[in-house]
Structures are given as C-alpha cells and as structure tokens.
Amino acid sequence: METCAQTDLVESCQRFDAGPGGGRSFLTKPVNESEGQDRDAELLRQIAGGDRAAFADFYDRHATLMFSVAYRILNDASEAEDVLQEACLQIWEKAGKFDPQQGKASSWAAILARNRAIDRIRASQRRNRLAEEAGAEQSQATPATGTANEAIYGHEQAKLIASAMVELPAEQRQAIELAYFSGLTQDEISKKLSAPLGTVKARIRRGLLKLRDQLEGLL
C-alpha cells in the first residue's frame, strides 16, 4: 500500500473531539460485550476485503483502547497517536490473518499497539546509544563541552544520524547498522559477515570516528 494512501486511510478514520481539559479525545461507539466479538470478527473479514467503512467502524470501537495501551508505555500523547496510526495500518494489512478462535479482536488490536509502542522505545534507545557512542569518540578527541545526555534526541536526531550514516563507506555503515539498529554483538556481526572480529571492530570504530566528524557541533 502506497504511503500517501496509508496516510489518507488513517486520517479518514480518525475521530477527535475536544476533551474536558481542552485536549483531544477519541470518540468511540459503545460496544455490547455479548455481541461485540462477533461484530469485530465480521468487521475484520470485511477489512481484509478492502472495506474502508468497516475499517472506520473497527477504529471507532477500539481506538481508545489502543491509544491508552500506547500511552501507558510511552507516556507521551503525540507518540501514542503515532503508534495508534501505525497499529491501524497493521490492522488494515493483517486483518485477514486474525483468527477469532485465538482470542478477541480487541485484545489483538491492543497487542499490535503494545508491540508498536515497544518497538518505538527500542528504536529510540538504539538512536541514543549510537549518539552516545559517537559522542564518546568525540570526547576522546576534543575537550568535552557537554554530556551525551545533552544530545538532540527524537526525530531531529534520527534525521541527523541517518544523513551522516549515508556518507559512511558501505562496510562501515553495514557494521554500525548491525550493531546499533539490529542489536547484534560484534561476534555475531563477525559471523554474519564472515569477517574477522578485529576487522569488524575496526570498521565500527572507524565508522564512529567519521560520524563524530560529521555530527560535531550538532549533537
């Protein structure tokens, strides 16, 4: 599914209204528990067939639950809204795989939101770890002007790191991606690339030094 189409799909199904505190709250339709499970299963079958109206109905029924699950993990409303959209896209793409014999659709939707929220935290931790390593390399070469915790985190940091990574030689970029974005140990990277451990360590170190030079003054 194309990115623009995905965005249109989620935006068309979002229902926001002003809450008591002036913030945004999701409008949901009350669900009768005795009938809800059968209705959800039917909606997912329709969604699997590309029915956007069914998708909007399912969204209205479960968006609050999914948002709440994401918010409890992330403790950030904006991040939780992003996770909700990502989980909704998964529902659109994976509706045909839902098996009502394995559990309730509401639980399935909540698990998708939970997993996306955890993935987001892990991705942020990997970015922070990479920034800290680059910062450590910088501090060894120049007088310290701040701590790694003073680096720019979040979306802006991710863009800076991604831009700097593109400029690295392929073998250094690959080693760093496996170490910091795939979570492999240096021994595992050595086996995966069929390269000596010393070579892997050298590629990572040289890559971090290059990142230090490119990100100097930005992190």
N, C-alpha and C. Protein backbone atom coordinates (compact mmCIF):
# COMPACT_ATOMS: atom_id res chain seq x y z
N MET A 1 0.84 -1.19 0.00
CA MET A 1 0.00 0.00 0.00
C MET A 1 0.88 1.24 0.00
N GLU A 2 0.62 2.21 -0.90
CA GLU A 2 1.46 3.39 -1.00
C GLU A 2 1.34 4.24 0.26
N THR A 3 2.44 4.98 0.59
CA THR A 3 2.48 5.78 1.81
C THR A 3 1.35 6.79 1.86
N CYS A 4 1.12 7.51 0.75
CA CYS A 4 0.07 8.53 0.75
C CYS A 4 -1.29 7.90 0.96
N ALA A 5 -1.49 6.73 0.38
CA ALA A 5 -2.77 6.04 0.55
C ALA A 5 -2.95 5.60 1.99
N GLN A 6 -1.86 5.15 2.61
CA GLN A 6 -1.92 4.75 4.01
C GLN A 6 -2.29 5.94 4.87
N THR A 7 -1.67 7.09 4.62
CA THR A 7 -1.96 8.28 5.40
C THR A 7 -3.41 8.70 5.24
N ASP A 8 -3.90 8.68 4.00
CA ASP A 8 -5.29 9.06 3.75
C ASP A 8 -6.23 8.11 4.48
N LEU A 9 -5.90 6.83 4.49
CA LEU A 9 -6.75 5.84 5.12
C LEU A 9 -6.89 6.12 6.61
N VAL A 10 -5.76 6.33 7.29
CA VAL A 10 -5.82 6.56 8.73
C VAL A 10 -6.49 7.88 9.05
N GLU A 11 -6.12 8.93 8.31
CA GLU A 11 -6.69 10.24 8.58
C GLU A 11 -8.20 10.24 8.37
N SER A 12 -8.67 9.47 7.38
CA SER A 12 -10.10 9.44 7.10
C SER A 12 -10.88 8.75 8.20
N CYS A 13 -10.19 7.94 9.00
CA CYS A 13 -10.87 7.17 10.04
C CYS A 13 -10.64 7.73 11.43
N GLN A 14 -9.85 8.81 11.57
CA GLN A 14 -9.60 9.39 12.88
C GLN A 14 -10.81 10.19 13.34
N ARG A 15 -11.15 10.07 14.63
CA ARG A 15 -12.25 10.81 15.20
C ARG A 15 -11.74 11.51 16.45
N PHE A 16 -11.52 12.82 16.39
CA PHE A 16 -11.04 13.55 17.55
C PHE A 16 -12.08 14.58 17.96
N ASP A 17 -12.13 14.88 19.26
CA ASP A 17 -13.00 15.93 19.74
C ASP A 17 -12.34 16.57 20.94
N ALA A 18 -12.78 17.76 21.30
CA ALA A 18 -12.21 18.45 22.45
C ALA A 18 -12.65 17.75 23.72
N GLY A 19 -11.69 17.38 24.57
CA GLY A 19 -12.00 16.73 25.83
C GLY A 19 -12.25 17.76 26.91
N PRO A 20 -12.59 17.32 28.13
CA PRO A 20 -12.90 18.23 29.21
C PRO A 20 -11.77 19.18 29.54
N GLY A 21 -10.51 18.71 29.35
CA GLY A 21 -9.37 19.55 29.68
C GLY A 21 -8.88 20.36 28.51
N GLY A 22 -9.62 20.34 27.41
CA GLY A 22 -9.18 21.09 26.24
C GLY A 22 -8.33 20.28 25.31
N GLY A 23 -7.96 19.03 25.72
CA GLY A 23 -7.15 18.19 24.86
C GLY A 23 -8.03 17.45 23.89
N ARG A 24 -7.45 16.46 23.22
CA ARG A 24 -8.20 15.70 22.24
C ARG A 24 -8.55 14.34 22.79
N SER A 25 -9.74 13.89 22.56
CA SER A 25 -10.15 12.57 22.99
C SER A 25 -10.77 11.85 21.81
N PHE A 26 -10.69 10.53 21.81
CA PHE A 26 -11.25 9.74 20.72
C PHE A 26 -12.72 9.50 20.98
N LEU A 27 -13.53 9.67 19.93
CA LEU A 27 -14.94 9.35 20.03
C LEU A 27 -15.11 7.87 19.72
N THR A 28 -15.74 7.15 20.57
CA THR A 28 -15.95 5.73 20.33
C THR A 28 -17.41 5.38 20.50
N LYS A 29 -17.81 4.32 19.84
CA LYS A 29 -19.18 3.86 19.95
C LYS A 29 -19.25 2.79 21.04
N PRO A 30 -20.26 2.82 21.87
CA PRO A 30 -20.38 1.80 22.91
C PRO A 30 -20.51 0.42 22.28
N VAL A 31 -19.87 -0.55 22.91
CA VAL A 31 -19.89 -1.91 22.37
C VAL A 31 -20.53 -2.84 23.38
N ASN A 32 -21.55 -3.59 22.96
CA ASN A 32 -22.16 -4.61 23.80
C ASN A 32 -21.26 -5.82 23.78
N GLU A 33 -20.77 -6.24 24.95
CA GLU A 33 -19.76 -7.29 25.04
C GLU A 33 -20.26 -8.60 24.41
N SER A 34 -21.53 -8.91 24.62
CA SER A 34 -22.05 -10.19 24.12
C SER A 34 -22.10 -10.23 22.60
N GLU A 35 -22.24 -9.06 21.97
CA GLU A 35 -22.33 -9.01 20.52
C GLU A 35 -21.04 -8.51 19.88
N GLY A 36 -20.21 -7.86 20.69
CA GLY A 36 -19.03 -7.20 20.15
C GLY A 36 -18.04 -8.10 19.46
N GLN A 37 -17.81 -9.29 20.03
CA GLN A 37 -16.79 -10.17 19.46
C GLN A 37 -17.17 -10.63 18.05
N ASP A 38 -18.45 -11.01 17.88
CA ASP A 38 -18.88 -11.45 16.56
C ASP A 38 -18.82 -10.29 15.57
N ARG A 39 -19.21 -9.11 16.04
CA ARG A 39 -19.18 -7.94 15.18
C ARG A 39 -17.75 -7.62 14.76
N ASP A 40 -16.82 -7.68 15.71
CA ASP A 40 -15.42 -7.39 15.40
C ASP A 40 -14.87 -8.38 14.38
N ALA A 41 -15.18 -9.64 14.56
CA ALA A 41 -14.70 -10.66 13.64
C ALA A 41 -15.23 -10.40 12.23
N GLU A 42 -16.50 -10.02 12.15
CA GLU A 42 -17.10 -9.72 10.85
C GLU A 42 -16.45 -8.48 10.23
N LEU A 43 -16.21 -7.47 11.05
CA LEU A 43 -15.56 -6.26 10.53
C LEU A 43 -14.17 -6.57 9.99
N LEU A 44 -13.43 -7.41 10.68
CA LEU A 44 -12.09 -7.74 10.22
C LEU A 44 -12.13 -8.53 8.92
N ARG A 45 -13.14 -9.37 8.76
CA ARG A 45 -13.29 -10.08 7.49
C ARG A 45 -13.55 -9.08 6.36
N GLN A 46 -14.37 -8.07 6.66
CA GLN A 46 -14.65 -7.05 5.64
C GLN A 46 -13.42 -6.19 5.36
N ILE A 47 -12.68 -5.89 6.41
CA ILE A 47 -11.46 -5.09 6.23
C ILE A 47 -10.46 -5.84 5.35
N ALA A 48 -10.38 -7.15 5.56
CA ALA A 48 -9.47 -7.96 4.75
C ALA A 48 -9.84 -7.88 3.27
N GLY A 49 -11.11 -7.59 3.01
CA GLY A 49 -11.56 -7.44 1.63
C GLY A 49 -11.45 -6.03 1.12
N GLY A 50 -10.86 -5.14 1.92
CA GLY A 50 -10.65 -3.77 1.47
C GLY A 50 -11.78 -2.81 1.79
N ASP A 51 -12.63 -3.14 2.74
CA ASP A 51 -13.78 -2.30 3.08
C ASP A 51 -13.36 -1.20 4.05
N ARG A 52 -13.30 0.04 3.56
CA ARG A 52 -12.87 1.16 4.40
C ARG A 52 -13.91 1.54 5.44
N ALA A 53 -15.17 1.37 5.11
CA ALA A 53 -16.22 1.68 6.08
C ALA A 53 -16.12 0.74 7.29
N ALA A 54 -15.82 -0.52 7.04
CA ALA A 54 -15.64 -1.48 8.12
C ALA A 54 -14.41 -1.10 8.95
N PHE A 55 -13.38 -0.64 8.27
CA PHE A 55 -12.18 -0.20 8.97
C PHE A 55 -12.49 0.97 9.90
N ALA A 56 -13.26 1.93 9.39
CA ALA A 56 -13.63 3.09 10.20
C ALA A 56 -14.45 2.67 11.41
N ASP A 57 -15.35 1.70 11.22
CA ASP A 57 -16.18 1.20 12.32
C ASP A 57 -15.30 0.52 13.37
N PHE A 58 -14.37 -0.33 12.91
CA PHE A 58 -13.47 -1.01 13.85
C PHE A 58 -12.62 0.00 14.61
N TYR A 59 -12.16 1.02 13.89
CA TYR A 59 -11.36 2.07 14.51
C TYR A 59 -12.15 2.76 15.62
N ASP A 60 -13.39 3.13 15.33
CA ASP A 60 -14.22 3.82 16.31
C ASP A 60 -14.42 2.97 17.56
N ARG A 61 -14.49 1.68 17.38
CA ARG A 61 -14.75 0.78 18.51
C ARG A 61 -13.52 0.57 19.39
N HIS A 62 -12.31 0.67 18.81
CA HIS A 62 -11.14 0.24 19.57
C HIS A 62 -9.99 1.26 19.64
N ALA A 63 -10.16 2.43 19.06
CA ALA A 63 -9.07 3.41 19.07
C ALA A 63 -8.70 3.84 20.48
N THR A 64 -9.71 4.03 21.34
CA THR A 64 -9.42 4.47 22.71
C THR A 64 -8.56 3.46 23.45
N LEU A 65 -8.91 2.18 23.32
CA LEU A 65 -8.12 1.12 23.96
C LEU A 65 -6.70 1.12 23.44
N MET A 66 -6.54 1.18 22.14
CA MET A 66 -5.21 1.12 21.54
C MET A 66 -4.37 2.33 21.94
N PHE A 67 -5.00 3.50 21.92
CA PHE A 67 -4.29 4.71 22.33
C PHE A 67 -3.86 4.61 23.79
N SER A 68 -4.74 4.12 24.66
CA SER A 68 -4.43 4.02 26.09
C SER A 68 -3.27 3.07 26.33
N VAL A 69 -3.25 1.95 25.61
CA VAL A 69 -2.14 0.99 25.76
C VAL A 69 -0.82 1.65 25.36
N ALA A 70 -0.82 2.35 24.24
CA ALA A 70 0.41 3.01 23.77
C ALA A 70 0.83 4.12 24.73
N TYR A 71 -0.13 4.86 25.23
CA TYR A 71 0.19 5.98 26.11
C TYR A 71 0.79 5.49 27.43
N ARG A 72 0.27 4.39 27.97
CA ARG A 72 0.82 3.85 29.22
C ARG A 72 2.28 3.46 29.06
N ILE A 73 2.66 3.03 27.87
CA ILE A 73 4.04 2.61 27.63
C ILE A 73 4.94 3.82 27.35
N LEU A 74 4.44 4.75 26.53
CA LEU A 74 5.26 5.86 26.06
C LEU A 74 5.16 7.11 26.93
N ASN A 75 4.04 7.25 27.63
CA ASN A 75 3.80 8.43 28.46
C ASN A 75 3.94 9.73 27.66
N ASP A 76 3.51 9.69 26.42
CA ASP A 76 3.58 10.85 25.54
C ASP A 76 2.42 10.75 24.55
N ALA A 77 1.52 11.72 24.60
CA ALA A 77 0.31 11.66 23.79
C ALA A 77 0.62 11.69 22.29
N SER A 78 1.56 12.54 21.88
CA SER A 78 1.89 12.64 20.47
C SER A 78 2.49 11.34 19.95
N GLU A 79 3.39 10.75 20.73
CA GLU A 79 3.98 9.47 20.34
C GLU A 79 2.91 8.38 20.30
N ALA A 80 2.00 8.41 21.27
CA ALA A 80 0.94 7.40 21.32
C ALA A 80 0.03 7.51 20.10
N GLU A 81 -0.24 8.74 19.65
CA GLU A 81 -1.06 8.92 18.45
C GLU A 81 -0.35 8.35 17.21
N ASP A 82 0.97 8.55 17.15
CA ASP A 82 1.73 7.99 16.03
C ASP A 82 1.65 6.46 16.04
N VAL A 83 1.78 5.88 17.24
CA VAL A 83 1.71 4.43 17.37
C VAL A 83 0.32 3.94 16.98
N LEU A 84 -0.70 4.67 17.37
CA LEU A 84 -2.07 4.29 17.00
C LEU A 84 -2.21 4.21 15.49
N GLN A 85 -1.69 5.19 14.78
CA GLN A 85 -1.77 5.18 13.32
C GLN A 85 -1.01 3.98 12.74
N GLU A 86 0.17 3.72 13.29
CA GLU A 86 0.97 2.59 12.79
C GLU A 86 0.24 1.27 13.03
N ALA A 87 -0.36 1.13 14.22
CA ALA A 87 -1.08 -0.10 14.54
C ALA A 87 -2.32 -0.25 13.65
N CYS A 88 -2.97 0.88 13.35
CA CYS A 88 -4.14 0.83 12.47
C CYS A 88 -3.76 0.36 11.06
N LEU A 89 -2.61 0.79 10.59
CA LEU A 89 -2.14 0.33 9.28
C LEU A 89 -1.87 -1.17 9.31
N GLN A 90 -1.37 -1.66 10.45
CA GLN A 90 -1.16 -3.10 10.57
C GLN A 90 -2.49 -3.85 10.53
N ILE A 91 -3.50 -3.29 11.18
CA ILE A 91 -4.81 -3.92 11.16
C ILE A 91 -5.34 -3.99 9.73
N TRP A 92 -5.18 -2.90 8.99
CA TRP A 92 -5.63 -2.88 7.60
C TRP A 92 -4.91 -3.95 6.77
N GLU A 93 -3.62 -4.10 7.01
CA GLU A 93 -2.82 -5.02 6.20
C GLU A 93 -2.94 -6.47 6.66
N LYS A 94 -3.23 -6.70 7.96
CA LYS A 94 -3.20 -8.05 8.52
C LYS A 94 -4.56 -8.55 8.96
N ALA A 95 -5.63 -7.83 8.64
CA ALA A 95 -6.96 -8.23 9.10
C ALA A 95 -7.30 -9.67 8.72
N GLY A 96 -6.86 -10.08 7.55
CA GLY A 96 -7.16 -11.43 7.09
C GLY A 96 -6.49 -12.53 7.90
N LYS A 97 -5.49 -12.16 8.69
CA LYS A 97 -4.77 -13.16 9.48
C LYS A 97 -5.38 -13.35 10.87
N PHE A 98 -6.35 -12.50 11.24
CA PHE A 98 -6.95 -12.64 12.56
C PHE A 98 -7.79 -13.90 12.64
N ASP A 99 -7.60 -14.65 13.72
CA ASP A 99 -8.36 -15.88 13.95
C ASP A 99 -9.20 -15.71 15.21
N PRO A 100 -10.51 -15.58 15.09
CA PRO A 100 -11.36 -15.37 16.27
C PRO A 100 -11.29 -16.51 17.27
N GLN A 101 -10.81 -17.68 16.82
CA GLN A 101 -10.67 -18.81 17.74
C GLN A 101 -9.50 -18.63 18.70
N GLN A 102 -8.60 -17.71 18.35
CA GLN A 102 -7.41 -17.50 19.17
C GLN A 102 -7.59 -16.39 20.21
N GLY A 103 -8.70 -15.68 20.15
CA GLY A 103 -8.90 -14.61 21.12
C GLY A 103 -9.76 -13.50 20.56
N LYS A 104 -9.95 -12.45 21.36
CA LYS A 104 -10.81 -11.34 20.97
C LYS A 104 -10.05 -10.38 20.06
N ALA A 105 -10.80 -9.75 19.17
CA ALA A 105 -10.19 -8.78 18.26
C ALA A 105 -9.66 -7.57 19.03
N SER A 106 -10.35 -7.19 20.09
CA SER A 106 -9.89 -6.05 20.88
C SER A 106 -8.53 -6.34 21.51
N SER A 107 -8.33 -7.57 21.96
CA SER A 107 -7.03 -7.95 22.54
C SER A 107 -5.96 -7.97 21.47
N TRP A 108 -6.31 -8.46 20.30
CA TRP A 108 -5.37 -8.49 19.17
C TRP A 108 -4.95 -7.07 18.80
N ALA A 109 -5.92 -6.16 18.73
CA ALA A 109 -5.61 -4.77 18.39
C ALA A 109 -4.73 -4.13 19.47
N ALA A 110 -5.02 -4.43 20.73
CA ALA A 110 -4.23 -3.87 21.83
C ALA A 110 -2.79 -4.38 21.79
N ILE A 111 -2.63 -5.65 21.43
CA ILE A 111 -1.28 -6.23 21.33
C ILE A 111 -0.50 -5.57 20.20
N LEU A 112 -1.16 -5.30 19.08
CA LEU A 112 -0.49 -4.61 17.98
C LEU A 112 0.00 -3.23 18.44
N ALA A 113 -0.85 -2.50 19.17
CA ALA A 113 -0.46 -1.18 19.66
C ALA A 113 0.68 -1.29 20.67
N ARG A 114 0.60 -2.30 21.53
CA ARG A 114 1.66 -2.50 22.53
C ARG A 114 2.99 -2.79 21.85
N ASN A 115 2.98 -3.67 20.88
CA ASN A 115 4.23 -4.04 20.21
C ASN A 115 4.83 -2.86 19.46
N ARG A 116 3.97 -2.06 18.81
CA ARG A 116 4.48 -0.87 18.10
C ARG A 116 5.07 0.13 19.08
N ALA A 117 4.46 0.30 20.24
CA ALA A 117 4.99 1.22 21.24
C ALA A 117 6.34 0.75 21.76
N ILE A 118 6.46 -0.54 22.02
CA ILE A 118 7.73 -1.10 22.49
C ILE A 118 8.80 -0.96 21.40
N ASP A 119 8.43 -1.20 20.15
CA ASP A 119 9.38 -1.04 19.05
C ASP A 119 9.88 0.40 18.99
N ARG A 120 8.97 1.36 19.24
CA ARG A 120 9.35 2.77 19.18
C ARG A 120 10.35 3.09 20.29
N ILE A 121 10.14 2.55 21.48
CA ILE A 121 11.08 2.77 22.58
C ILE A 121 12.44 2.17 22.25
N ARG A 122 12.43 0.96 21.71
CA ARG A 122 13.70 0.30 21.38
C ARG A 122 14.45 1.07 20.30
N ALA A 123 13.73 1.57 19.31
CA ALA A 123 14.36 2.35 18.25
C ALA A 123 14.99 3.61 18.82
N SER A 124 14.27 4.26 19.75
CA SER A 124 14.80 5.47 20.38
C SER A 124 16.05 5.15 21.20
N GLN A 125 16.02 4.02 21.89
CA GLN A 125 17.19 3.62 22.69
C GLN A 125 18.39 3.34 21.80
N ARG A 126 18.14 2.71 20.63
CA ARG A 126 19.25 2.44 19.72
C ARG A 126 19.84 3.73 19.17
N ARG A 127 18.96 4.70 18.84
CA ARG A 127 19.46 6.00 18.36
C ARG A 127 20.29 6.68 19.44
N ASN A 128 19.79 6.63 20.67
CA ASN A 128 20.50 7.28 21.76
C ASN A 128 21.85 6.61 22.01
N ARG A 129 21.86 5.29 21.91
CA ARG A 129 23.11 4.56 22.12
C ARG A 129 24.15 4.94 21.07
N LEU A 130 23.69 5.03 19.81
CA LEU A 130 24.60 5.39 18.73
C LEU A 130 25.12 6.81 18.93
N ALA A 131 24.23 7.72 19.34
CA ALA A 131 24.65 9.10 19.58
C ALA A 131 25.64 9.18 20.72
N GLU A 132 25.41 8.38 21.76
CA GLU A 132 26.32 8.38 22.90
C GLU A 132 27.69 7.85 22.50
N GLU A 133 27.70 6.79 21.66
CA GLU A 133 28.97 6.24 21.21
C GLU A 133 29.72 7.26 20.36
N ALA A 134 29.01 7.94 19.47
CA ALA A 134 29.64 8.98 18.66
C ALA A 134 30.13 10.11 19.54
N GLY A 135 29.35 10.44 20.55
CA GLY A 135 29.76 11.49 21.48
C GLY A 135 30.98 11.08 22.28
N ALA A 136 31.05 9.79 22.64
CA ALA A 136 32.21 9.30 23.38
C ALA A 136 33.47 9.40 22.54
N GLU A 137 33.36 9.05 21.25
CA GLU A 137 34.50 9.17 20.37
C GLU A 137 34.94 10.62 20.27
N GLN A 138 33.96 11.51 20.21
CA GLN A 138 34.29 12.93 20.11
C GLN A 138 34.98 13.43 21.37
N SER A 139 34.53 12.98 22.53
CA SER A 139 35.10 13.46 23.79
C SER A 139 36.53 12.99 23.97
N GLN A 140 36.89 11.86 23.32
CA GLN A 140 38.26 11.37 23.41
C GLN A 140 39.21 12.21 22.56
N ALA A 141 38.65 12.86 21.54
CA ALA A 141 39.50 13.63 20.62
C ALA A 141 39.53 15.11 20.94
N THR A 142 38.47 15.64 21.56
CA THR A 142 38.39 17.07 21.84
C THR A 142 37.93 17.29 23.26
N PRO A 143 38.21 18.47 23.85
CA PRO A 143 37.74 18.76 25.19
C PRO A 143 36.22 18.68 25.24
N ALA A 144 35.71 18.12 26.33
CA ALA A 144 34.27 17.95 26.46
C ALA A 144 33.58 19.29 26.63
N THR A 145 32.51 19.48 25.87
CA THR A 145 31.72 20.70 26.00
C THR A 145 30.32 20.39 26.51
N GLY A 146 30.04 19.12 26.80
CA GLY A 146 28.72 18.73 27.28
C GLY A 146 28.66 17.22 27.39
N THR A 147 27.59 16.70 27.89
CA THR A 147 27.45 15.27 28.05
C THR A 147 26.63 14.69 26.92
N ALA A 148 26.68 13.35 26.81
CA ALA A 148 25.89 12.70 25.76
C ALA A 148 24.40 12.93 25.98
N ASN A 149 24.02 13.09 27.24
CA ASN A 149 22.60 13.31 27.52
C ASN A 149 22.11 14.66 27.03
N GLU A 150 23.02 15.54 26.63
CA GLU A 150 22.63 16.84 26.12
C GLU A 150 22.47 16.82 24.60
N ALA A 151 22.61 15.62 24.03
CA ALA A 151 22.43 15.49 22.58
C ALA A 151 20.98 15.74 22.20
N ILE A 152 20.77 16.02 20.94
CA ILE A 152 19.41 16.25 20.44
C ILE A 152 18.79 14.90 20.17
N TYR A 153 17.67 14.61 20.88
CA TYR A 153 17.03 13.32 20.73
C TYR A 153 15.78 13.45 19.88
N GLY A 154 15.18 12.30 19.57
CA GLY A 154 13.92 12.30 18.87
C GLY A 154 14.08 12.35 17.36
N HIS A 155 13.09 12.92 16.70
CA HIS A 155 13.05 12.90 15.24
C HIS A 155 14.22 13.65 14.62
N GLU A 156 14.58 14.79 15.18
CA GLU A 156 15.67 15.57 14.59
C GLU A 156 16.98 14.82 14.67
N GLN A 157 17.22 14.18 15.82
CA GLN A 157 18.45 13.41 15.97
C GLN A 157 18.49 12.26 14.97
N ALA A 158 17.34 11.59 14.82
CA ALA A 158 17.28 10.46 13.88
C ALA A 158 17.61 10.92 12.47
N LYS A 159 17.13 12.08 12.08
CA LYS A 159 17.41 12.60 10.74
C LYS A 159 18.90 12.92 10.58
N LEU A 160 19.49 13.50 11.61
CA LEU A 160 20.92 13.84 11.55
C LEU A 160 21.77 12.58 11.42
N ILE A 161 21.44 11.58 12.23
CA ILE A 161 22.21 10.34 12.21
C ILE A 161 22.03 9.62 10.88
N ALA A 162 20.80 9.56 10.39
CA ALA A 162 20.54 8.89 9.12
C ALA A 162 21.30 9.56 7.99
N SER A 163 21.34 10.89 8.00
CA SER A 163 22.05 11.63 6.96
C SER A 163 23.55 11.36 7.04
N ALA A 164 24.07 11.31 8.25
CA ALA A 164 25.50 11.05 8.43
C ALA A 164 25.85 9.61 8.04
N MET A 165 24.96 8.68 8.34
CA MET A 165 25.21 7.27 8.03
C MET A 165 25.36 7.05 6.53
N VAL A 166 24.58 7.77 5.74
CA VAL A 166 24.62 7.61 4.29
C VAL A 166 26.01 7.92 3.74
N GLU A 167 26.72 8.81 4.41
CA GLU A 167 28.03 9.24 3.93
C GLU A 167 29.15 8.25 4.28
N LEU A 168 28.85 7.26 5.11
CA LEU A 168 29.89 6.30 5.51
C LEU A 168 30.16 5.30 4.39
N PRO A 169 31.39 4.76 4.32
CA PRO A 169 31.66 3.66 3.39
C PRO A 169 30.73 2.50 3.71
N ALA A 170 30.37 1.74 2.69
CA ALA A 170 29.35 0.70 2.84
C ALA A 170 29.68 -0.30 3.94
N GLU A 171 30.95 -0.73 4.03
CA GLU A 171 31.28 -1.75 5.02
C GLU A 171 31.19 -1.21 6.45
N GLN A 172 31.51 0.08 6.63
CA GLN A 172 31.40 0.69 7.96
C GLN A 172 29.93 0.91 8.32
N ARG A 173 29.15 1.37 7.35
CA ARG A 173 27.73 1.59 7.60
C ARG A 173 27.03 0.28 7.95
N GLN A 174 27.37 -0.77 7.23
CA GLN A 174 26.74 -2.07 7.48
C GLN A 174 27.07 -2.57 8.89
N ALA A 175 28.32 -2.46 9.30
CA ALA A 175 28.73 -2.93 10.62
C ALA A 175 28.02 -2.15 11.72
N ILE A 176 27.91 -0.83 11.55
CA ILE A 176 27.25 0.00 12.56
C ILE A 176 25.75 -0.29 12.60
N GLU A 177 25.13 -0.47 11.45
CA GLU A 177 23.70 -0.77 11.42
C GLU A 177 23.41 -2.09 12.13
N LEU A 178 24.26 -3.09 11.90
CA LEU A 178 24.05 -4.38 12.55
C LEU A 178 24.25 -4.28 14.06
N ALA A 179 25.19 -3.44 14.48
CA ALA A 179 25.48 -3.31 15.91
C ALA A 179 24.44 -2.48 16.64
N TYR A 180 24.01 -1.38 16.01
CA TYR A 180 23.17 -0.43 16.75
C TYR A 180 21.70 -0.46 16.35
N PHE A 181 21.39 -0.97 15.19
CA PHE A 181 20.00 -0.98 14.75
C PHE A 181 19.42 -2.40 14.70
N SER A 182 20.28 -3.40 14.54
CA SER A 182 19.83 -4.79 14.59
C SER A 182 20.14 -5.43 15.93
N GLY A 183 20.99 -4.77 16.74
CA GLY A 183 21.27 -5.24 18.09
C GLY A 183 22.20 -6.43 18.17
N LEU A 184 22.99 -6.68 17.11
CA LEU A 184 23.91 -7.83 17.12
C LEU A 184 25.18 -7.48 17.89
N THR A 185 25.77 -8.51 18.51
CA THR A 185 27.07 -8.31 19.15
C THR A 185 28.15 -8.32 18.08
N GLN A 186 29.35 -7.90 18.44
CA GLN A 186 30.43 -7.88 17.46
C GLN A 186 30.78 -9.29 16.99
N ASP A 187 30.68 -10.26 17.89
CA ASP A 187 30.92 -11.66 17.49
C ASP A 187 29.88 -12.11 16.47
N GLU A 188 28.61 -11.75 16.70
CA GLU A 188 27.54 -12.12 15.78
C GLU A 188 27.72 -11.45 14.42
N ILE A 189 28.17 -10.19 14.44
CA ILE A 189 28.42 -9.47 13.19
C ILE A 189 29.54 -10.14 12.42
N SER A 190 30.57 -10.55 13.15
CA SER A 190 31.72 -11.23 12.53
C SER A 190 31.26 -12.48 11.78
N LYS A 191 30.39 -13.26 12.43
CA LYS A 191 29.90 -14.50 11.81
C LYS A 191 28.98 -14.18 10.63
N LYS A 192 28.12 -13.19 10.80
CA LYS A 192 27.17 -12.85 9.75
C LYS A 192 27.87 -12.36 8.49
N LEU A 193 28.93 -11.58 8.66
CA LEU A 193 29.65 -11.01 7.53
C LEU A 193 30.82 -11.87 7.07
N SER A 194 31.06 -12.97 7.83
CA SER A 194 32.23 -13.83 7.52
C SER A 194 33.50 -12.99 7.48
N ALA A 195 33.64 -12.12 8.47
CA ALA A 195 34.81 -11.24 8.56
C ALA A 195 35.46 -11.43 9.93
N PRO A 196 36.78 -11.30 10.00
CA PRO A 196 37.46 -11.44 11.29
C PRO A 196 36.90 -10.45 12.31
N LEU A 197 36.90 -10.85 13.57
CA LEU A 197 36.38 -9.98 14.63
C LEU A 197 37.13 -8.65 14.68
N GLY A 198 38.44 -8.72 14.50
CA GLY A 198 39.23 -7.49 14.52
C GLY A 198 38.83 -6.53 13.41
N THR A 199 38.49 -7.09 12.26
CA THR A 199 38.05 -6.26 11.14
C THR A 199 36.73 -5.58 11.46
N VAL A 200 35.81 -6.33 12.06
CA VAL A 200 34.50 -5.77 12.43
C VAL A 200 34.70 -4.64 13.43
N LYS A 201 35.53 -4.85 14.45
CA LYS A 201 35.76 -3.81 15.45
C LYS A 201 36.35 -2.56 14.81
N ALA A 202 37.28 -2.78 13.87
CA ALA A 202 37.92 -1.64 13.21
C ALA A 202 36.91 -0.86 12.36
N ARG A 203 36.02 -1.58 11.67
CA ARG A 203 35.01 -0.90 10.85
C ARG A 203 34.08 -0.06 11.71
N ILE A 204 33.67 -0.64 12.83
CA ILE A 204 32.76 0.10 13.72
C ILE A 204 33.45 1.34 14.28
N ARG A 205 34.70 1.17 14.72
CA ARG A 205 35.43 2.30 15.30
C ARG A 205 35.67 3.40 14.26
N ARG A 206 36.10 3.00 13.07
CA ARG A 206 36.35 3.99 12.02
C ARG A 206 35.05 4.69 11.63
N GLY A 207 33.96 3.90 11.58
CA GLY A 207 32.67 4.50 11.26
C GLY A 207 32.22 5.50 12.31
N LEU A 208 32.43 5.16 13.59
CA LEU A 208 32.06 6.08 14.66
C LEU A 208 32.89 7.36 14.62
N LEU A 209 34.17 7.21 14.26
CA LEU A 209 35.02 8.39 14.14
C LEU A 209 34.53 9.31 13.03
N LYS A 210 34.10 8.70 11.91
CA LYS A 210 33.57 9.51 10.81
C LYS A 210 32.26 10.18 11.21
N LEU A 211 31.43 9.43 11.94
CA LEU A 211 30.18 10.02 12.42
C LEU A 211 30.47 11.19 13.37
N ARG A 212 31.49 11.02 14.20
CA ARG A 212 31.87 12.10 15.10
C ARG A 212 32.19 13.36 14.33
N ASP A 213 32.97 13.20 13.26
CA ASP A 213 33.35 14.37 12.47
C ASP A 213 32.14 15.03 11.80
N GLN A 214 31.22 14.19 11.30
CA GLN A 214 30.06 14.74 10.59
C GLN A 214 29.04 15.35 11.53
N LEU A 215 28.95 14.81 12.76
CA LEU A 215 27.95 15.28 13.70
C LEU A 215 28.50 16.29 14.70
N GLU A 216 29.78 16.58 14.59
CA GLU A 216 30.39 17.51 15.54
C GLU A 216 29.67 18.85 15.50
N GLY A 217 29.28 19.31 16.67
CA GLY A 217 28.57 20.57 16.77
C GLY A 217 27.06 20.45 16.60
N LEU A 218 26.61 19.25 16.20
CA LEU A 218 25.18 19.03 16.00
C LEU A 218 24.59 18.20 17.13
N LEU A 219 25.41 17.33 17.74
CA LEU A 219 24.95 16.50 18.84
C LEU A 219 25.55 17.01 20.14
